[in-house]
Protein backbone atom coordinates (compact mmCIF):
# COMPACT_ATOMS: atom_id res chain seq x y z
CA MET A 1 47.46 -4.99 23.52
CA VAL A 2 47.88 -4.47 19.75
CA GLU A 3 46.30 -7.84 19.06
CA MET A 4 43.37 -6.89 21.30
CA LEU A 5 42.86 -3.64 19.37
CA GLY A 6 42.97 -5.59 16.11
CA VAL A 7 40.31 -8.01 17.35
CA LEU A 8 38.12 -5.11 18.52
CA ALA A 9 38.46 -3.40 15.14
CA ILE A 10 37.44 -6.59 13.33
CA ILE A 11 34.46 -7.04 15.66
CA GLY A 12 33.43 -3.42 15.03
CA VAL A 13 33.55 -3.82 11.25
CA LEU A 14 31.58 -7.07 11.40
CA SER A 15 28.99 -5.48 13.71
CA VAL A 16 28.42 -2.55 11.35
CA GLY A 17 28.01 -4.96 8.44
CA GLY A 18 25.61 -7.11 10.45
CA ILE A 19 23.47 -4.15 11.48
CA SER A 20 23.33 -2.91 7.89
CA GLY A 21 22.29 -6.34 6.63
CA TYR A 22 19.69 -6.65 9.37
CA SER A 23 18.20 -3.25 8.46
CA LYS A 24 17.91 -4.22 4.80
CA ALA A 25 16.35 -7.57 5.70
CA MET A 26 13.79 -5.88 7.96
CA ALA A 27 12.87 -3.36 5.25
CA LYS A 28 12.35 -6.19 2.75
CA PHE A 29 10.32 -8.14 5.33
CA LYS A 30 8.04 -5.15 5.95
CA LEU A 31 7.56 -4.58 2.23
CA THR A 32 6.69 -8.24 1.62
CA LYS A 33 4.34 -8.16 4.63
CA ALA A 34 2.56 -5.06 3.27
CA GLN A 35 2.13 -6.72 -0.15
CA ASP A 36 0.75 -9.84 1.54
CA GLN A 37 -1.67 -7.76 3.62
CA ILE A 38 -3.05 -5.95 0.57
CA THR A 39 -3.33 -9.20 -1.40
CA MET A 40 -5.09 -11.01 1.46
CA LEU A 41 -7.47 -8.11 2.00
CA LEU A 42 -8.27 -8.03 -1.73
CA MET A 43 -8.93 -11.78 -1.93
CA ASN A 44 -11.08 -11.79 1.20
CA ILE A 45 -13.20 -8.87 -0.04
CA ARG A 46 -13.71 -10.55 -3.40
CA THR A 47 -14.66 -13.83 -1.73
CA ALA A 48 -17.09 -12.16 0.69
CA TYR A 49 -18.80 -10.18 -2.07
CA ALA A 50 -18.67 -12.90 -4.75
CA THR A 51 -22.45 -13.39 -4.81
CA SER A 52 -23.32 -9.74 -4.26
CA PRO A 53 -24.06 -7.48 -7.25
CA SER A 54 -21.92 -4.69 -5.77
CA TYR A 55 -19.59 -3.73 -2.94
CA ALA A 56 -22.14 -1.27 -1.50
CA GLY A 57 -21.67 -0.77 2.22
CA LEU A 58 -18.07 -1.98 2.28
CA ASN A 59 -15.84 0.03 4.60
CA SER A 60 -12.88 -0.43 6.94
CA LYS A 61 -15.05 -1.28 9.95
CA ILE A 62 -16.85 -4.04 8.04
CA ALA A 63 -13.50 -5.36 6.81
CA ALA A 64 -12.33 -5.53 10.44
CA ASP A 65 -15.56 -6.87 11.94
CA TYR A 66 -16.01 -9.65 9.37
CA ASN A 67 -12.36 -10.74 9.36
CA LEU A 68 -11.75 -9.60 5.79
CA ALA A 69 -8.48 -8.02 6.89
CA PRO A 70 -5.59 -10.08 8.27
CA ASN A 71 -5.64 -10.10 12.09
CA GLU A 72 -2.34 -8.22 12.42
CA MET A 73 -3.92 -5.26 10.57
CA VAL A 74 -6.88 -4.86 12.96
CA ASN A 75 -6.69 -2.66 16.03
CA SER A 76 -9.07 -4.52 18.34
CA SER A 77 -9.99 -1.48 20.44
CA ASP A 78 -11.41 0.69 17.66
CA HIS A 79 -11.63 -1.73 14.68
CA LYS A 80 -9.41 0.44 12.51
CA LEU A 81 -6.96 -1.10 10.07
CA PHE A 82 -3.23 -0.38 10.17
CA GLY A 83 -0.54 -1.47 7.72
CA THR A 84 2.96 -2.78 8.32
CA PHE A 85 4.48 0.70 8.09
CA GLY A 86 2.21 2.08 10.83
CA GLY A 87 -0.19 4.12 8.71
CA GLU A 88 -3.92 3.59 8.62
CA VAL A 89 -5.46 1.43 5.90
CA TYR A 90 -8.84 2.42 4.47
CA VAL A 91 -11.28 0.22 2.55
CA ALA A 92 -14.50 1.47 0.96
CA ALA A 93 -16.90 0.96 -1.89
CA THR A 94 -16.92 3.54 -4.64
CA GLY A 95 -18.61 4.20 -7.94
CA GLY A 96 -15.24 3.94 -9.68
CA LEU A 97 -13.12 6.41 -11.59
CA LYS A 98 -14.42 9.18 -13.80
CA THR A 99 -12.41 11.12 -16.33
CA ASP A 100 -13.04 14.80 -17.01
CA THR A 101 -12.63 16.55 -20.37
CA GLN A 102 -8.92 17.21 -19.70
CA GLY A 103 -8.30 13.49 -19.22
CA THR A 104 -7.85 13.70 -15.44
CA SER A 105 -9.25 10.72 -13.54
CA GLN A 106 -10.64 10.82 -10.03
CA LEU A 107 -12.61 8.61 -7.68
CA THR A 108 -16.34 9.13 -7.84
CA THR A 109 -18.32 9.60 -4.70
CA ALA A 110 -21.21 7.53 -6.04
CA THR A 111 -22.37 4.91 -3.59
CA THR A 112 -23.29 2.34 -6.23
CA GLY A 113 -20.39 0.25 -5.02
CA ASN A 114 -19.43 -1.22 -8.38
CA TYR A 115 -15.81 -0.76 -7.34
CA PHE A 116 -13.86 -0.69 -4.10
CA TYR A 117 -10.57 0.78 -3.06
CA ILE A 118 -7.84 0.01 -0.58
CA THR A 119 -5.67 2.89 0.65
CA MET A 120 -2.44 2.42 2.57
CA THR A 121 -1.23 5.63 4.22
CA ALA A 122 1.99 7.02 5.67
CA LEU A 123 4.41 5.15 3.42
CA GLY A 124 8.02 6.30 3.26
CA LYS A 125 9.63 7.04 -0.12
CA GLU A 126 11.18 3.61 -0.66
CA ALA A 127 8.10 1.70 0.51
CA CYS A 128 5.86 3.87 -1.68
CA ARG A 129 8.04 3.36 -4.75
CA SER A 130 8.27 -0.39 -4.19
CA LEU A 131 4.53 -0.82 -3.65
CA ALA A 132 3.64 1.50 -6.56
CA THR A 133 5.86 -0.44 -8.95
CA SER A 134 4.86 -3.92 -7.74
CA ASP A 135 3.02 -6.10 -10.22
CA TRP A 136 -0.50 -6.18 -8.81
CA GLY A 137 -1.80 -8.04 -11.85
CA ALA A 138 -4.49 -6.94 -14.24
CA ASP A 139 -7.24 -8.96 -12.58
CA GLY A 140 -9.70 -6.24 -11.65
CA LEU A 141 -7.19 -3.45 -10.99
CA VAL A 142 -8.74 -0.33 -12.52
CA GLY A 143 -6.29 2.28 -11.34
CA MET A 144 -3.95 3.51 -8.68
CA ILE A 145 -3.71 6.85 -6.93
CA VAL A 146 -0.41 7.93 -5.40
CA SER A 147 -0.35 11.08 -3.33
CA LYS A 148 1.79 12.90 -0.84
CA SER A 149 0.09 12.50 2.52
CA GLY A 150 -2.32 15.44 2.58
CA GLY A 151 -1.07 16.70 -0.79
CA ASN A 152 -1.53 16.49 -4.54
CA LYS A 153 -2.64 13.22 -6.10
CA THR A 154 -1.34 11.44 -9.17
CA TYR A 155 -3.91 9.22 -10.87
CA LEU A 156 -2.46 6.21 -12.67
CA THR A 157 -4.91 4.36 -14.86
CA ALA A 158 -3.63 3.83 -18.38
CA ASP A 159 -0.04 3.45 -17.19
CA LEU A 160 -0.47 0.19 -15.25
CA PRO A 161 1.74 -1.51 -14.31
CA VAL A 162 3.75 1.46 -13.11
CA THR A 163 7.45 1.47 -13.92
CA LEU A 164 10.16 2.77 -11.61
CA SER A 165 11.23 5.28 -14.27
CA LYS A 166 7.70 6.72 -14.31
CA VAL A 167 7.64 6.96 -10.52
CA THR A 168 10.97 8.78 -10.37
CA SER A 169 10.50 10.96 -13.48
CA ASP A 170 7.03 12.14 -12.38
CA LYS A 171 8.25 12.63 -8.80
CA ILE A 172 5.60 10.22 -7.56
CA CYS A 173 6.26 9.15 -3.97
CA SER A 174 8.39 12.24 -3.50
CA GLY A 175 6.92 13.41 -0.18
CA GLU A 176 8.21 12.41 3.23
CA THR A 177 5.17 10.15 3.43
CA SER A 178 2.82 9.11 0.67
CA ASP A 179 -0.47 7.27 0.34
CA ILE A 180 -1.36 4.67 -2.29
CA THR A 181 -4.91 3.78 -3.29
CA TRP A 182 -5.66 0.73 -5.41
CA ILE A 183 -9.06 0.73 -7.17
CA TYR A 184 -10.61 -2.64 -8.07
CA TYR A 185 -13.85 -3.78 -9.68
């Protein structure tokens, strides 16, 4: 009986360790998948608009309809895009970023389409911090906007790439869920 209890205790400890390792592996898998989705979407948009003078008319529906987004992102019933973490993904053309006299940057609503953005919504704290601090390269990345879902926005332009110390010191990605927008030319 004592030996049986010992075996059960060992099995319990190993099970807890296995579940913990599995959870960490799944979180890393989802993060890598989200990075791959954004990268694929970016490359497909650039390829599709390579001969066009602007990104005018680009939106999430066009990205879905013309297979610019990876298939696993597209909801076939309504042609909306969804990311690995379950939140909606938005794509649209924009006029770019403008800076006011106080040095605050914001997306313009101009429809010239010289730039486009990709927004991934409903990211948890860890996913937001990891995606915000990932090296997205300098090839066309103009800025990044990180905001609490439905809350205040933090515009990151001159500070790219973003460091983890900046994210934690500025309380970026501090909401229960956050959104990240990448702006490209």
